[in-house]
Amino acid sequence: MSQDNLIKLVSLGDEKGEGKGHVIWAHKNTKKLRGIKLEIKKFNPIIKKHTLYREKK
């Protein structure tokens, strides 16, 4: 797997701000999503809920 498409997704936490800063590494299709920053709801194991993750550098 190529390291070129590897991105860092950082959690924004829930409504109270719990679980903020948790990091997930994922791959991104850069041909289709070139100028778009991803925002995905993923499971946060720290607070055991689904939270919003945003792409960071």
C-alpha atoms as a PDB file:
ATOM      1  CA  MET A   1       0.000   0.000   0.000  1.00  0.00           C
ATOM      2  CA  SER A   2       1.248   3.418  -0.944  1.00  0.00           C
ATOM      3  CA  GLN A   3       2.120   5.962   1.708  1.00  0.00           C
ATOM      4  CA  ASP A   4       1.246   8.776  -0.727  1.00  0.00           C
ATOM      5  CA  ASN A   5      -2.478   8.432  -0.094  1.00  0.00           C
ATOM      6  CA  LEU A   6      -2.209   8.172   3.701  1.00  0.00           C
ATOM      7  CA  ILE A   7      -4.152  10.854   5.590  1.00  0.00           C
ATOM      8  CA  LYS A   8      -4.603  11.711   9.258  1.00  0.00           C
ATOM      9  CA  LEU A   9      -8.159  11.979  10.617  1.00  0.00           C
ATOM     10  CA  VAL A  10      -8.551  13.794  13.959  1.00  0.00           C
ATOM     11  CA  SER A  11     -11.664  13.547  16.133  1.00  0.00           C
ATOM     12  CA  LEU A  12     -13.606  16.680  17.051  1.00  0.00           C
ATOM     13  CA  GLY A  13     -15.234  14.930  20.033  1.00  0.00           C
ATOM     14  CA  ASP A  14     -18.881  14.831  21.024  1.00  0.00           C
ATOM     15  CA  GLU A  15     -21.158  17.695  22.159  1.00  0.00           C
ATOM     16  CA  LYS A  16     -19.299  17.993  25.496  1.00  0.00           C
ATOM     17  CA  GLY A  17     -15.871  17.864  23.839  1.00  0.00           C
ATOM     18  CA  GLU A  18     -15.018  14.398  25.163  1.00  0.00           C
ATOM     19  CA  GLY A  19     -12.794  12.212  22.982  1.00  0.00           C
ATOM     20  CA  LYS A  20     -11.330  15.197  21.136  1.00  0.00           C
ATOM     21  CA  GLY A  21      -7.965  14.650  19.468  1.00  0.00           C
ATOM     22  CA  HIS A  22      -8.157  10.888  18.836  1.00  0.00           C
ATOM     23  CA  VAL A  23      -6.294  10.031  15.598  1.00  0.00           C
ATOM     24  CA  ILE A  24      -7.114   7.508  12.869  1.00  0.00           C
ATOM     25  CA  TRP A  25      -4.910   6.939   9.802  1.00  0.00           C
ATOM     26  CA  ALA A  26      -6.678   6.086   6.527  1.00  0.00           C
ATOM     27  CA  HIS A  27      -6.115   6.006   2.775  1.00  0.00           C
ATOM     28  CA  LYS A  28      -7.700   8.493   0.382  1.00  0.00           C
ATOM     29  CA  ASN A  29      -8.320   8.238  -3.358  1.00  0.00           C
ATOM     30  CA  THR A  30      -6.445  11.366  -4.406  1.00  0.00           C
ATOM     31  CA  LYS A  31      -7.500  11.140  -8.063  1.00  0.00           C
ATOM     32  CA  LYS A  32     -11.187  11.606  -7.236  1.00  0.00           C
ATOM     33  CA  LEU A  33     -10.899  13.675  -4.040  1.00  0.00           C
ATOM     34  CA  ARG A  34      -7.975  15.953  -4.897  1.00  0.00           C
ATOM     35  CA  GLY A  35      -9.066  19.321  -3.416  1.00  0.00           C
ATOM     36  CA  ILE A  36     -11.552  18.033  -0.850  1.00  0.00           C
ATOM     37  CA  LYS A  37     -10.905  17.724   2.904  1.00  0.00           C
ATOM     38  CA  LEU A  38     -12.676  14.657   4.285  1.00  0.00           C
ATOM     39  CA  GLU A  39     -15.162  14.765   7.168  1.00  0.00           C
ATOM     40  CA  ILE A  40     -16.297  11.298   8.227  1.00  0.00           C
ATOM     41  CA  LYS A  41     -18.253   9.931  11.166  1.00  0.00           C
ATOM     42  CA  LYS A  42     -16.236   7.068  12.690  1.00  0.00           C
ATOM     43  CA  PHE A  43     -16.321   5.123  15.959  1.00  0.00           C
ATOM     44  CA  ASN A  44     -14.276   6.723  18.752  1.00  0.00           C
ATOM     45  CA  PRO A  45     -13.091   3.977  21.157  1.00  0.00           C
ATOM     46  CA  ILE A  46     -12.246   6.465  23.934  1.00  0.00           C
ATOM     47  CA  ILE A  47     -15.869   7.514  24.514  1.00  0.00           C
ATOM     48  CA  LYS A  48     -17.463   4.515  22.754  1.00  0.00           C
ATOM     49  CA  LYS A  49     -19.551   6.671  20.380  1.00  0.00           C
ATOM     50  CA  HIS A  50     -19.486   7.724  16.735  1.00  0.00           C
ATOM     51  CA  THR A  51     -17.904  11.167  16.339  1.00  0.00           C
ATOM     52  CA  LEU A  52     -16.910  13.418  13.464  1.00  0.00           C
ATOM     53  CA  TYR A  53     -13.340  13.111  12.173  1.00  0.00           C
ATOM     54  CA  ARG A  54     -11.690  15.764   9.976  1.00  0.00           C
ATOM     55  CA  GLU A  55      -8.663  15.475   7.756  1.00  0.00           C
ATOM     56  CA  LYS A  56      -5.541  17.253   9.059  1.00  0.00           C
ATOM     57  CA  LYS A  57      -2.021  17.646   7.655  1.00  0.00           C
END
